[in-house]
PDBML (XML) file of the C-alpha atoms, coordinates in Angstrom:
<?xml version="1.0" encoding="UTF-8" ?>
<PDBx:datablock datablockName="MODEL"
   xmlns:PDBx="http://pdbml.pdb.org/schema/pdbx-v50.xsd"
   xmlns:xsi="http://www.w3.org/2001/XMLSchema-instance"
   xsi:schemaLocation="http://pdbml.pdb.org/schema/pdbx-v50.xsd pdbx-v50.xsd">
   <PDBx:atom_siteCategory>
      <PDBx:atom_site id="1">
         <PDBx:B_iso_or_equiv>0.00</PDBx:B_iso_or_equiv>
         <PDBx:Cartn_x>72.030</PDBx:Cartn_x>
         <PDBx:Cartn_y>17.907</PDBx:Cartn_y>
         <PDBx:Cartn_z>138.710</PDBx:Cartn_z>
         <PDBx:auth_asym_id>A</PDBx:auth_asym_id>
         <PDBx:auth_atom_id>CA</PDBx:auth_atom_id>
         <PDBx:auth_comp_id>THR</PDBx:auth_comp_id>
         <PDBx:auth_seq_id>1</PDBx:auth_seq_id>
         <PDBx:group_PDB>ATOM</PDBx:group_PDB>
         <PDBx:label_alt_id xsi:nil="true" />
         <PDBx:label_asym_id>A</PDBx:label_asym_id>
         <PDBx:label_atom_id>CA</PDBx:label_atom_id>
         <PDBx:label_comp_id>THR</PDBx:label_comp_id>
         <PDBx:label_entity_id>1</PDBx:label_entity_id>
         <PDBx:label_seq_id>1</PDBx:label_seq_id>
         <PDBx:occupancy>1.00</PDBx:occupancy>
         <PDBx:pdbx_PDB_model_num>1</PDBx:pdbx_PDB_model_num>
         <PDBx:type_symbol>C</PDBx:type_symbol>
      </PDBx:atom_site>
      <PDBx:atom_site id="2">
         <PDBx:B_iso_or_equiv>0.00</PDBx:B_iso_or_equiv>
         <PDBx:Cartn_x>72.594</PDBx:Cartn_x>
         <PDBx:Cartn_y>15.759</PDBx:Cartn_y>
         <PDBx:Cartn_z>141.771</PDBx:Cartn_z>
         <PDBx:auth_asym_id>A</PDBx:auth_asym_id>
         <PDBx:auth_atom_id>CA</PDBx:auth_atom_id>
         <PDBx:auth_comp_id>GLU</PDBx:auth_comp_id>
         <PDBx:auth_seq_id>2</PDBx:auth_seq_id>
         <PDBx:group_PDB>ATOM</PDBx:group_PDB>
         <PDBx:label_alt_id xsi:nil="true" />
         <PDBx:label_asym_id>A</PDBx:label_asym_id>
         <PDBx:label_atom_id>CA</PDBx:label_atom_id>
         <PDBx:label_comp_id>GLU</PDBx:label_comp_id>
         <PDBx:label_entity_id>1</PDBx:label_entity_id>
         <PDBx:label_seq_id>2</PDBx:label_seq_id>
         <PDBx:occupancy>1.00</PDBx:occupancy>
         <PDBx:pdbx_PDB_model_num>1</PDBx:pdbx_PDB_model_num>
         <PDBx:type_symbol>C</PDBx:type_symbol>
      </PDBx:atom_site>
      <PDBx:atom_site id="3">
         <PDBx:B_iso_or_equiv>0.00</PDBx:B_iso_or_equiv>
         <PDBx:Cartn_x>76.535</PDBx:Cartn_x>
         <PDBx:Cartn_y>16.327</PDBx:Cartn_y>
         <PDBx:Cartn_z>141.842</PDBx:Cartn_z>
         <PDBx:auth_asym_id>A</PDBx:auth_asym_id>
         <PDBx:auth_atom_id>CA</PDBx:auth_atom_id>
         <PDBx:auth_comp_id>GLN</PDBx:auth_comp_id>
         <PDBx:auth_seq_id>3</PDBx:auth_seq_id>
         <PDBx:group_PDB>ATOM</PDBx:group_PDB>
         <PDBx:label_alt_id xsi:nil="true" />
         <PDBx:label_asym_id>A</PDBx:label_asym_id>
         <PDBx:label_atom_id>CA</PDBx:label_atom_id>
         <PDBx:label_comp_id>GLN</PDBx:label_comp_id>
         <PDBx:label_entity_id>1</PDBx:label_entity_id>
         <PDBx:label_seq_id>3</PDBx:label_seq_id>
         <PDBx:occupancy>1.00</PDBx:occupancy>
         <PDBx:pdbx_PDB_model_num>1</PDBx:pdbx_PDB_model_num>
         <PDBx:type_symbol>C</PDBx:type_symbol>
      </PDBx:atom_site>
      <PDBx:atom_site id="4">
         <PDBx:B_iso_or_equiv>0.00</PDBx:B_iso_or_equiv>
         <PDBx:Cartn_x>76.648</PDBx:Cartn_x>
         <PDBx:Cartn_y>12.638</PDBx:Cartn_y>
         <PDBx:Cartn_z>142.854</PDBx:Cartn_z>
         <PDBx:auth_asym_id>A</PDBx:auth_asym_id>
         <PDBx:auth_atom_id>CA</PDBx:auth_atom_id>
         <PDBx:auth_comp_id>LYS</PDBx:auth_comp_id>
         <PDBx:auth_seq_id>4</PDBx:auth_seq_id>
         <PDBx:group_PDB>ATOM</PDBx:group_PDB>
         <PDBx:label_alt_id xsi:nil="true" />
         <PDBx:label_asym_id>A</PDBx:label_asym_id>
         <PDBx:label_atom_id>CA</PDBx:label_atom_id>
         <PDBx:label_comp_id>LYS</PDBx:label_comp_id>
         <PDBx:label_entity_id>1</PDBx:label_entity_id>
         <PDBx:label_seq_id>4</PDBx:label_seq_id>
         <PDBx:occupancy>1.00</PDBx:occupancy>
         <PDBx:pdbx_PDB_model_num>1</PDBx:pdbx_PDB_model_num>
         <PDBx:type_symbol>C</PDBx:type_symbol>
      </PDBx:atom_site>
      <PDBx:atom_site id="5">
         <PDBx:B_iso_or_equiv>0.00</PDBx:B_iso_or_equiv>
         <PDBx:Cartn_x>78.326</PDBx:Cartn_x>
         <PDBx:Cartn_y>9.577</PDBx:Cartn_y>
         <PDBx:Cartn_z>141.324</PDBx:Cartn_z>
         <PDBx:auth_asym_id>A</PDBx:auth_asym_id>
         <PDBx:auth_atom_id>CA</PDBx:auth_atom_id>
         <PDBx:auth_comp_id>PHE</PDBx:auth_comp_id>
         <PDBx:auth_seq_id>5</PDBx:auth_seq_id>
         <PDBx:group_PDB>ATOM</PDBx:group_PDB>
         <PDBx:label_alt_id xsi:nil="true" />
         <PDBx:label_asym_id>A</PDBx:label_asym_id>
         <PDBx:label_atom_id>CA</PDBx:label_atom_id>
         <PDBx:label_comp_id>PHE</PDBx:label_comp_id>
         <PDBx:label_entity_id>1</PDBx:label_entity_id>
         <PDBx:label_seq_id>5</PDBx:label_seq_id>
         <PDBx:occupancy>1.00</PDBx:occupancy>
         <PDBx:pdbx_PDB_model_num>1</PDBx:pdbx_PDB_model_num>
         <PDBx:type_symbol>C</PDBx:type_symbol>
      </PDBx:atom_site>
      <PDBx:atom_site id="6">
         <PDBx:B_iso_or_equiv>0.00</PDBx:B_iso_or_equiv>
         <PDBx:Cartn_x>78.386</PDBx:Cartn_x>
         <PDBx:Cartn_y>5.834</PDBx:Cartn_y>
         <PDBx:Cartn_z>141.506</PDBx:Cartn_z>
         <PDBx:auth_asym_id>A</PDBx:auth_asym_id>
         <PDBx:auth_atom_id>CA</PDBx:auth_atom_id>
         <PDBx:auth_comp_id>VAL</PDBx:auth_comp_id>
         <PDBx:auth_seq_id>6</PDBx:auth_seq_id>
         <PDBx:group_PDB>ATOM</PDBx:group_PDB>
         <PDBx:label_alt_id xsi:nil="true" />
         <PDBx:label_asym_id>A</PDBx:label_asym_id>
         <PDBx:label_atom_id>CA</PDBx:label_atom_id>
         <PDBx:label_comp_id>VAL</PDBx:label_comp_id>
         <PDBx:label_entity_id>1</PDBx:label_entity_id>
         <PDBx:label_seq_id>6</PDBx:label_seq_id>
         <PDBx:occupancy>1.00</PDBx:occupancy>
         <PDBx:pdbx_PDB_model_num>1</PDBx:pdbx_PDB_model_num>
         <PDBx:type_symbol>C</PDBx:type_symbol>
      </PDBx:atom_site>
      <PDBx:atom_site id="7">
         <PDBx:B_iso_or_equiv>0.00</PDBx:B_iso_or_equiv>
         <PDBx:Cartn_x>81.576</PDBx:Cartn_x>
         <PDBx:Cartn_y>3.674</PDBx:Cartn_y>
         <PDBx:Cartn_z>142.654</PDBx:Cartn_z>
         <PDBx:auth_asym_id>A</PDBx:auth_asym_id>
         <PDBx:auth_atom_id>CA</PDBx:auth_atom_id>
         <PDBx:auth_comp_id>ILE</PDBx:auth_comp_id>
         <PDBx:auth_seq_id>7</PDBx:auth_seq_id>
         <PDBx:group_PDB>ATOM</PDBx:group_PDB>
         <PDBx:label_alt_id xsi:nil="true" />
         <PDBx:label_asym_id>A</PDBx:label_asym_id>
         <PDBx:label_atom_id>CA</PDBx:label_atom_id>
         <PDBx:label_comp_id>ILE</PDBx:label_comp_id>
         <PDBx:label_entity_id>1</PDBx:label_entity_id>
         <PDBx:label_seq_id>7</PDBx:label_seq_id>
         <PDBx:occupancy>1.00</PDBx:occupancy>
         <PDBx:pdbx_PDB_model_num>1</PDBx:pdbx_PDB_model_num>
         <PDBx:type_symbol>C</PDBx:type_symbol>
      </PDBx:atom_site>
      <PDBx:atom_site id="8">
         <PDBx:B_iso_or_equiv>0.00</PDBx:B_iso_or_equiv>
         <PDBx:Cartn_x>81.026</PDBx:Cartn_x>
         <PDBx:Cartn_y>0.013</PDBx:Cartn_y>
         <PDBx:Cartn_z>142.062</PDBx:Cartn_z>
         <PDBx:auth_asym_id>A</PDBx:auth_asym_id>
         <PDBx:auth_atom_id>CA</PDBx:auth_atom_id>
         <PDBx:auth_comp_id>GLU</PDBx:auth_comp_id>
         <PDBx:auth_seq_id>8</PDBx:auth_seq_id>
         <PDBx:group_PDB>ATOM</PDBx:group_PDB>
         <PDBx:label_alt_id xsi:nil="true" />
         <PDBx:label_asym_id>A</PDBx:label_asym_id>
         <PDBx:label_atom_id>CA</PDBx:label_atom_id>
         <PDBx:label_comp_id>GLU</PDBx:label_comp_id>
         <PDBx:label_entity_id>1</PDBx:label_entity_id>
         <PDBx:label_seq_id>8</PDBx:label_seq_id>
         <PDBx:occupancy>1.00</PDBx:occupancy>
         <PDBx:pdbx_PDB_model_num>1</PDBx:pdbx_PDB_model_num>
         <PDBx:type_symbol>C</PDBx:type_symbol>
      </PDBx:atom_site>
      <PDBx:atom_site id="9">
         <PDBx:B_iso_or_equiv>0.00</PDBx:B_iso_or_equiv>
         <PDBx:Cartn_x>83.593</PDBx:Cartn_x>
         <PDBx:Cartn_y>-2.856</PDBx:Cartn_y>
         <PDBx:Cartn_z>143.002</PDBx:Cartn_z>
         <PDBx:auth_asym_id>A</PDBx:auth_asym_id>
         <PDBx:auth_atom_id>CA</PDBx:auth_atom_id>
         <PDBx:auth_comp_id>GLY</PDBx:auth_comp_id>
         <PDBx:auth_seq_id>9</PDBx:auth_seq_id>
         <PDBx:group_PDB>ATOM</PDBx:group_PDB>
         <PDBx:label_alt_id xsi:nil="true" />
         <PDBx:label_asym_id>A</PDBx:label_asym_id>
         <PDBx:label_atom_id>CA</PDBx:label_atom_id>
         <PDBx:label_comp_id>GLY</PDBx:label_comp_id>
         <PDBx:label_entity_id>1</PDBx:label_entity_id>
         <PDBx:label_seq_id>9</PDBx:label_seq_id>
         <PDBx:occupancy>1.00</PDBx:occupancy>
         <PDBx:pdbx_PDB_model_num>1</PDBx:pdbx_PDB_model_num>
         <PDBx:type_symbol>C</PDBx:type_symbol>
      </PDBx:atom_site>
      <PDBx:atom_site id="10">
         <PDBx:B_iso_or_equiv>0.00</PDBx:B_iso_or_equiv>
         <PDBx:Cartn_x>85.571</PDBx:Cartn_x>
         <PDBx:Cartn_y>-3.553</PDBx:Cartn_y>
         <PDBx:Cartn_z>145.965</PDBx:Cartn_z>
         <PDBx:auth_asym_id>A</PDBx:auth_asym_id>
         <PDBx:auth_atom_id>CA</PDBx:auth_atom_id>
         <PDBx:auth_comp_id>LEU</PDBx:auth_comp_id>
         <PDBx:auth_seq_id>10</PDBx:auth_seq_id>
         <PDBx:group_PDB>ATOM</PDBx:group_PDB>
         <PDBx:label_alt_id xsi:nil="true" />
         <PDBx:label_asym_id>A</PDBx:label_asym_id>
         <PDBx:label_atom_id>CA</PDBx:label_atom_id>
         <PDBx:label_comp_id>LEU</PDBx:label_comp_id>
         <PDBx:label_entity_id>1</PDBx:label_entity_id>
         <PDBx:label_seq_id>10</PDBx:label_seq_id>
         <PDBx:occupancy>1.00</PDBx:occupancy>
         <PDBx:pdbx_PDB_model_num>1</PDBx:pdbx_PDB_model_num>
         <PDBx:type_symbol>C</PDBx:type_symbol>
      </PDBx:atom_site>
      <PDBx:atom_site id="11">
         <PDBx:B_iso_or_equiv>0.00</PDBx:B_iso_or_equiv>
         <PDBx:Cartn_x>88.949</PDBx:Cartn_x>
         <PDBx:Cartn_y>-2.210</PDBx:Cartn_y>
         <PDBx:Cartn_z>144.791</PDBx:Cartn_z>
         <PDBx:auth_asym_id>A</PDBx:auth_asym_id>
         <PDBx:auth_atom_id>CA</PDBx:auth_atom_id>
         <PDBx:auth_comp_id>ARG</PDBx:auth_comp_id>
         <PDBx:auth_seq_id>11</PDBx:auth_seq_id>
         <PDBx:group_PDB>ATOM</PDBx:group_PDB>
         <PDBx:label_alt_id xsi:nil="true" />
         <PDBx:label_asym_id>A</PDBx:label_asym_id>
         <PDBx:label_atom_id>CA</PDBx:label_atom_id>
         <PDBx:label_comp_id>ARG</PDBx:label_comp_id>
         <PDBx:label_entity_id>1</PDBx:label_entity_id>
         <PDBx:label_seq_id>11</PDBx:label_seq_id>
         <PDBx:occupancy>1.00</PDBx:occupancy>
         <PDBx:pdbx_PDB_model_num>1</PDBx:pdbx_PDB_model_num>
         <PDBx:type_symbol>C</PDBx:type_symbol>
      </PDBx:atom_site>
      <PDBx:atom_site id="12">
         <PDBx:B_iso_or_equiv>0.00</PDBx:B_iso_or_equiv>
         <PDBx:Cartn_x>87.795</PDBx:Cartn_x>
         <PDBx:Cartn_y>1.206</PDBx:Cartn_y>
         <PDBx:Cartn_z>143.569</PDBx:Cartn_z>
         <PDBx:auth_asym_id>A</PDBx:auth_asym_id>
         <PDBx:auth_atom_id>CA</PDBx:auth_atom_id>
         <PDBx:auth_comp_id>ILE</PDBx:auth_comp_id>
         <PDBx:auth_seq_id>12</PDBx:auth_seq_id>
         <PDBx:group_PDB>ATOM</PDBx:group_PDB>
         <PDBx:label_alt_id xsi:nil="true" />
         <PDBx:label_asym_id>A</PDBx:label_asym_id>
         <PDBx:label_atom_id>CA</PDBx:label_atom_id>
         <PDBx:label_comp_id>ILE</PDBx:label_comp_id>
         <PDBx:label_entity_id>1</PDBx:label_entity_id>
         <PDBx:label_seq_id>12</PDBx:label_seq_id>
         <PDBx:occupancy>1.00</PDBx:occupancy>
         <PDBx:pdbx_PDB_model_num>1</PDBx:pdbx_PDB_model_num>
         <PDBx:type_symbol>C</PDBx:type_symbol>
      </PDBx:atom_site>
      <PDBx:atom_site id="13">
         <PDBx:B_iso_or_equiv>0.00</PDBx:B_iso_or_equiv>
         <PDBx:Cartn_x>85.412</PDBx:Cartn_x>
         <PDBx:Cartn_y>1.808</PDBx:Cartn_y>
         <PDBx:Cartn_z>146.790</PDBx:Cartn_z>
         <PDBx:auth_asym_id>A</PDBx:auth_asym_id>
         <PDBx:auth_atom_id>CA</PDBx:auth_atom_id>
         <PDBx:auth_comp_id>CYS</PDBx:auth_comp_id>
         <PDBx:auth_seq_id>13</PDBx:auth_seq_id>
         <PDBx:group_PDB>ATOM</PDBx:group_PDB>
         <PDBx:label_alt_id xsi:nil="true" />
         <PDBx:label_asym_id>A</PDBx:label_asym_id>
         <PDBx:label_atom_id>CA</PDBx:label_atom_id>
         <PDBx:label_comp_id>CYS</PDBx:label_comp_id>
         <PDBx:label_entity_id>1</PDBx:label_entity_id>
         <PDBx:label_seq_id>13</PDBx:label_seq_id>
         <PDBx:occupancy>1.00</PDBx:occupancy>
         <PDBx:pdbx_PDB_model_num>1</PDBx:pdbx_PDB_model_num>
         <PDBx:type_symbol>C</PDBx:type_symbol>
      </PDBx:atom_site>
      <PDBx:atom_site id="14">
         <PDBx:B_iso_or_equiv>0.00</PDBx:B_iso_or_equiv>
         <PDBx:Cartn_x>88.609</PDBx:Cartn_x>
         <PDBx:Cartn_y>1.008</PDBx:Cartn_y>
         <PDBx:Cartn_z>148.955</PDBx:Cartn_z>
         <PDBx:auth_asym_id>A</PDBx:auth_asym_id>
         <PDBx:auth_atom_id>CA</PDBx:auth_atom_id>
         <PDBx:auth_comp_id>LEU</PDBx:auth_comp_id>
         <PDBx:auth_seq_id>14</PDBx:auth_seq_id>
         <PDBx:group_PDB>ATOM</PDBx:group_PDB>
         <PDBx:label_alt_id xsi:nil="true" />
         <PDBx:label_asym_id>A</PDBx:label_asym_id>
         <PDBx:label_atom_id>CA</PDBx:label_atom_id>
         <PDBx:label_comp_id>LEU</PDBx:label_comp_id>
         <PDBx:label_entity_id>1</PDBx:label_entity_id>
         <PDBx:label_seq_id>14</PDBx:label_seq_id>
         <PDBx:occupancy>1.00</PDBx:occupancy>
         <PDBx:pdbx_PDB_model_num>1</PDBx:pdbx_PDB_model_num>
         <PDBx:type_symbol>C</PDBx:type_symbol>
      </PDBx:atom_site>
      <PDBx:atom_site id="15">
         <PDBx:B_iso_or_equiv>0.00</PDBx:B_iso_or_equiv>
         <PDBx:Cartn_x>90.597</PDBx:Cartn_x>
         <PDBx:Cartn_y>3.309</PDBx:Cartn_y>
         <PDBx:Cartn_z>146.793</PDBx:Cartn_z>
         <PDBx:auth_asym_id>A</PDBx:auth_asym_id>
         <PDBx:auth_atom_id>CA</PDBx:auth_atom_id>
         <PDBx:auth_comp_id>ASP</PDBx:auth_comp_id>
         <PDBx:auth_seq_id>15</PDBx:auth_seq_id>
         <PDBx:group_PDB>ATOM</PDBx:group_PDB>
         <PDBx:label_alt_id xsi:nil="true" />
         <PDBx:label_asym_id>A</PDBx:label_asym_id>
         <PDBx:label_atom_id>CA</PDBx:label_atom_id>
         <PDBx:label_comp_id>ASP</PDBx:label_comp_id>
         <PDBx:label_entity_id>1</PDBx:label_entity_id>
         <PDBx:label_seq_id>15</PDBx:label_seq_id>
         <PDBx:occupancy>1.00</PDBx:occupancy>
         <PDBx:pdbx_PDB_model_num>1</PDBx:pdbx_PDB_model_num>
         <PDBx:type_symbol>C</PDBx:type_symbol>
      </PDBx:atom_site>
      <PDBx:atom_site id="16">
         <PDBx:B_iso_or_equiv>0.00</PDBx:B_iso_or_equiv>
         <PDBx:Cartn_x>87.982</PDBx:Cartn_x>
         <PDBx:Cartn_y>6.073</PDBx:Cartn_y>
         <PDBx:Cartn_z>146.887</PDBx:Cartn_z>
         <PDBx:auth_asym_id>A</PDBx:auth_asym_id>
         <PDBx:auth_atom_id>CA</PDBx:auth_atom_id>
         <PDBx:auth_comp_id>ALA</PDBx:auth_comp_id>
         <PDBx:auth_seq_id>16</PDBx:auth_seq_id>
         <PDBx:group_PDB>ATOM</PDBx:group_PDB>
         <PDBx:label_alt_id xsi:nil="true" />
         <PDBx:label_asym_id>A</PDBx:label_asym_id>
         <PDBx:label_atom_id>CA</PDBx:label_atom_id>
         <PDBx:label_comp_id>ALA</PDBx:label_comp_id>
         <PDBx:label_entity_id>1</PDBx:label_entity_id>
         <PDBx:label_seq_id>16</PDBx:label_seq_id>
         <PDBx:occupancy>1.00</PDBx:occupancy>
         <PDBx:pdbx_PDB_model_num>1</PDBx:pdbx_PDB_model_num>
         <PDBx:type_symbol>C</PDBx:type_symbol>
      </PDBx:atom_site>
      <PDBx:atom_site id="17">
         <PDBx:B_iso_or_equiv>0.00</PDBx:B_iso_or_equiv>
         <PDBx:Cartn_x>87.809</PDBx:Cartn_x>
         <PDBx:Cartn_y>5.757</PDBx:Cartn_y>
         <PDBx:Cartn_z>150.762</PDBx:Cartn_z>
         <PDBx:auth_asym_id>A</PDBx:auth_asym_id>
         <PDBx:auth_atom_id>CA</PDBx:auth_atom_id>
         <PDBx:auth_comp_id>MET</PDBx:auth_comp_id>
         <PDBx:auth_seq_id>17</PDBx:auth_seq_id>
         <PDBx:group_PDB>ATOM</PDBx:group_PDB>
         <PDBx:label_alt_id xsi:nil="true" />
         <PDBx:label_asym_id>A</PDBx:label_asym_id>
         <PDBx:label_atom_id>CA</PDBx:label_atom_id>
         <PDBx:label_comp_id>MET</PDBx:label_comp_id>
         <PDBx:label_entity_id>1</PDBx:label_entity_id>
         <PDBx:label_seq_id>17</PDBx:label_seq_id>
         <PDBx:occupancy>1.00</PDBx:occupancy>
         <PDBx:pdbx_PDB_model_num>1</PDBx:pdbx_PDB_model_num>
         <PDBx:type_symbol>C</PDBx:type_symbol>
      </PDBx:atom_site>
      <PDBx:atom_site id="18">
         <PDBx:B_iso_or_equiv>0.00</PDBx:B_iso_or_equiv>
         <PDBx:Cartn_x>91.669</PDBx:Cartn_x>
         <PDBx:Cartn_y>5.886</PDBx:Cartn_y>
         <PDBx:Cartn_z>151.246</PDBx:Cartn_z>
         <PDBx:auth_asym_id>A</PDBx:auth_asym_id>
         <PDBx:auth_atom_id>CA</PDBx:auth_atom_id>
         <PDBx:auth_comp_id>GLN</PDBx:auth_comp_id>
         <PDBx:auth_seq_id>18</PDBx:auth_seq_id>
         <PDBx:group_PDB>ATOM</PDBx:group_PDB>
         <PDBx:label_alt_id xsi:nil="true" />
         <PDBx:label_asym_id>A</PDBx:label_asym_id>
         <PDBx:label_atom_id>CA</PDBx:label_atom_id>
         <PDBx:label_comp_id>GLN</PDBx:label_comp_id>
         <PDBx:label_entity_id>1</PDBx:label_entity_id>
         <PDBx:label_seq_id>18</PDBx:label_seq_id>
         <PDBx:occupancy>1.00</PDBx:occupancy>
         <PDBx:pdbx_PDB_model_num>1</PDBx:pdbx_PDB_model_num>
         <PDBx:type_symbol>C</PDBx:type_symbol>
      </PDBx:atom_site>
      <PDBx:atom_site id="19">
         <PDBx:B_iso_or_equiv>0.00</PDBx:B_iso_or_equiv>
         <PDBx:Cartn_x>91.350</PDBx:Cartn_x>
         <PDBx:Cartn_y>9.097</PDBx:Cartn_y>
         <PDBx:Cartn_z>148.952</PDBx:Cartn_z>
         <PDBx:auth_asym_id>A</PDBx:auth_asym_id>
         <PDBx:auth_atom_id>CA</PDBx:auth_atom_id>
         <PDBx:auth_comp_id>ASN</PDBx:auth_comp_id>
         <PDBx:auth_seq_id>19</PDBx:auth_seq_id>
         <PDBx:group_PDB>ATOM</PDBx:group_PDB>
         <PDBx:label_alt_id xsi:nil="true" />
         <PDBx:label_asym_id>A</PDBx:label_asym_id>
         <PDBx:label_atom_id>CA</PDBx:label_atom_id>
         <PDBx:label_comp_id>ASN</PDBx:label_comp_id>
         <PDBx:label_entity_id>1</PDBx:label_entity_id>
         <PDBx:label_seq_id>19</PDBx:label_seq_id>
         <PDBx:occupancy>1.00</PDBx:occupancy>
         <PDBx:pdbx_PDB_model_num>1</PDBx:pdbx_PDB_model_num>
         <PDBx:type_symbol>C</PDBx:type_symbol>
      </PDBx:atom_site>
      <PDBx:atom_site id="20">
         <PDBx:B_iso_or_equiv>0.00</PDBx:B_iso_or_equiv>
         <PDBx:Cartn_x>89.104</PDBx:Cartn_x>
         <PDBx:Cartn_y>10.624</PDBx:Cartn_y>
         <PDBx:Cartn_z>151.662</PDBx:Cartn_z>
         <PDBx:auth_asym_id>A</PDBx:auth_asym_id>
         <PDBx:auth_atom_id>CA</PDBx:auth_atom_id>
         <PDBx:auth_comp_id>HIS</PDBx:auth_comp_id>
         <PDBx:auth_seq_id>20</PDBx:auth_seq_id>
         <PDBx:group_PDB>ATOM</PDBx:group_PDB>
         <PDBx:label_alt_id xsi:nil="true" />
         <PDBx:label_asym_id>A</PDBx:label_asym_id>
         <PDBx:label_atom_id>CA</PDBx:label_atom_id>
         <PDBx:label_comp_id>HIS</PDBx:label_comp_id>
         <PDBx:label_entity_id>1</PDBx:label_entity_id>
         <PDBx:label_seq_id>20</PDBx:label_seq_id>
         <PDBx:occupancy>1.00</PDBx:occupancy>
         <PDBx:pdbx_PDB_model_num>1</PDBx:pdbx_PDB_model_num>
         <PDBx:type_symbol>C</PDBx:type_symbol>
      </PDBx:atom_site>
      <PDBx:atom_site id="21">
         <PDBx:B_iso_or_equiv>0.00</PDBx:B_iso_or_equiv>
         <PDBx:Cartn_x>85.973</PDBx:Cartn_x>
         <PDBx:Cartn_y>10.202</PDBx:Cartn_y>
         <PDBx:Cartn_z>149.605</PDBx:Cartn_z>
         <PDBx:auth_asym_id>A</PDBx:auth_asym_id>
         <PDBx:auth_atom_id>CA</PDBx:auth_atom_id>
         <PDBx:auth_comp_id>ILE</PDBx:auth_comp_id>
         <PDBx:auth_seq_id>21</PDBx:auth_seq_id>
         <PDBx:group_PDB>ATOM</PDBx:group_PDB>
         <PDBx:label_alt_id xsi:nil="true" />
         <PDBx:label_asym_id>A</PDBx:label_asym_id>
         <PDBx:label_atom_id>CA</PDBx:label_atom_id>
         <PDBx:label_comp_id>ILE</PDBx:label_comp_id>
         <PDBx:label_entity_id>1</PDBx:label_entity_id>
         <PDBx:label_seq_id>21</PDBx:label_seq_id>
         <PDBx:occupancy>1.00</PDBx:occupancy>
         <PDBx:pdbx_PDB_model_num>1</PDBx:pdbx_PDB_model_num>
         <PDBx:type_symbol>C</PDBx:type_symbol>
      </PDBx:atom_site>
      <PDBx:atom_site id="22">
         <PDBx:B_iso_or_equiv>0.00</PDBx:B_iso_or_equiv>
         <PDBx:Cartn_x>82.723</PDBx:Cartn_x>
         <PDBx:Cartn_y>9.803</PDBx:Cartn_y>
         <PDBx:Cartn_z>151.886</PDBx:Cartn_z>
         <PDBx:auth_asym_id>A</PDBx:auth_asym_id>
         <PDBx:auth_atom_id>CA</PDBx:auth_atom_id>
         <PDBx:auth_comp_id>SER</PDBx:auth_comp_id>
         <PDBx:auth_seq_id>22</PDBx:auth_seq_id>
         <PDBx:group_PDB>ATOM</PDBx:group_PDB>
         <PDBx:label_alt_id xsi:nil="true" />
         <PDBx:label_asym_id>A</PDBx:label_asym_id>
         <PDBx:label_atom_id>CA</PDBx:label_atom_id>
         <PDBx:label_comp_id>SER</PDBx:label_comp_id>
         <PDBx:label_entity_id>1</PDBx:label_entity_id>
         <PDBx:label_seq_id>22</PDBx:label_seq_id>
         <PDBx:occupancy>1.00</PDBx:occupancy>
         <PDBx:pdbx_PDB_model_num>1</PDBx:pdbx_PDB_model_num>
         <PDBx:type_symbol>C</PDBx:type_symbol>
      </PDBx:atom_site>
      <PDBx:atom_site id="23">
         <PDBx:B_iso_or_equiv>0.00</PDBx:B_iso_or_equiv>
         <PDBx:Cartn_x>79.811</PDBx:Cartn_x>
         <PDBx:Cartn_y>7.856</PDBx:Cartn_y>
         <PDBx:Cartn_z>150.608</PDBx:Cartn_z>
         <PDBx:auth_asym_id>A</PDBx:auth_asym_id>
         <PDBx:auth_atom_id>CA</PDBx:auth_atom_id>
         <PDBx:auth_comp_id>PHE</PDBx:auth_comp_id>
         <PDBx:auth_seq_id>23</PDBx:auth_seq_id>
         <PDBx:group_PDB>ATOM</PDBx:group_PDB>
         <PDBx:label_alt_id xsi:nil="true" />
         <PDBx:label_asym_id>A</PDBx:label_asym_id>
         <PDBx:label_atom_id>CA</PDBx:label_atom_id>
         <PDBx:label_comp_id>PHE</PDBx:label_comp_id>
         <PDBx:label_entity_id>1</PDBx:label_entity_id>
         <PDBx:label_seq_id>23</PDBx:label_seq_id>
         <PDBx:occupancy>1.00</PDBx:occupancy>
         <PDBx:pdbx_PDB_model_num>1</PDBx:pdbx_PDB_model_num>
         <PDBx:type_symbol>C</PDBx:type_symbol>
      </PDBx:atom_site>
      <PDBx:atom_site id="24">
         <PDBx:B_iso_or_equiv>0.00</PDBx:B_iso_or_equiv>
         <PDBx:Cartn_x>76.516</PDBx:Cartn_x>
         <PDBx:Cartn_y>9.215</PDBx:Cartn_y>
         <PDBx:Cartn_z>150.686</PDBx:Cartn_z>
         <PDBx:auth_asym_id>A</PDBx:auth_asym_id>
         <PDBx:auth_atom_id>CA</PDBx:auth_atom_id>
         <PDBx:auth_comp_id>GLU</PDBx:auth_comp_id>
         <PDBx:auth_seq_id>24</PDBx:auth_seq_id>
         <PDBx:group_PDB>ATOM</PDBx:group_PDB>
         <PDBx:label_alt_id xsi:nil="true" />
         <PDBx:label_asym_id>A</PDBx:label_asym_id>
         <PDBx:label_atom_id>CA</PDBx:label_atom_id>
         <PDBx:label_comp_id>GLU</PDBx:label_comp_id>
         <PDBx:label_entity_id>1</PDBx:label_entity_id>
         <PDBx:label_seq_id>24</PDBx:label_seq_id>
         <PDBx:occupancy>1.00</PDBx:occupancy>
         <PDBx:pdbx_PDB_model_num>1</PDBx:pdbx_PDB_model_num>
         <PDBx:type_symbol>C</PDBx:type_symbol>
      </PDBx:atom_site>
      <PDBx:atom_site id="25">
         <PDBx:B_iso_or_equiv>0.00</PDBx:B_iso_or_equiv>
         <PDBx:Cartn_x>74.752</PDBx:Cartn_x>
         <PDBx:Cartn_y>5.781</PDBx:Cartn_y>
         <PDBx:Cartn_z>150.364</PDBx:Cartn_z>
         <PDBx:auth_asym_id>A</PDBx:auth_asym_id>
         <PDBx:auth_atom_id>CA</PDBx:auth_atom_id>
         <PDBx:auth_comp_id>VAL</PDBx:auth_comp_id>
         <PDBx:auth_seq_id>25</PDBx:auth_seq_id>
         <PDBx:group_PDB>ATOM</PDBx:group_PDB>
         <PDBx:label_alt_id xsi:nil="true" />
         <PDBx:label_asym_id>A</PDBx:label_asym_id>
         <PDBx:label_atom_id>CA</PDBx:label_atom_id>
         <PDBx:label_comp_id>VAL</PDBx:label_comp_id>
         <PDBx:label_entity_id>1</PDBx:label_entity_id>
         <PDBx:label_seq_id>25</PDBx:label_seq_id>
         <PDBx:occupancy>1.00</PDBx:occupancy>
         <PDBx:pdbx_PDB_model_num>1</PDBx:pdbx_PDB_model_num>
         <PDBx:type_symbol>C</PDBx:type_symbol>
      </PDBx:atom_site>
   </PDBx:atom_siteCategory>
</PDBx:datablock>
């Protein structure tokens, strides 16, 4: 419904950011 998901953990958050995923919160 929200079209949002949660990323948890140092490595995966860094990986997400390097793949140009912006964080809402």
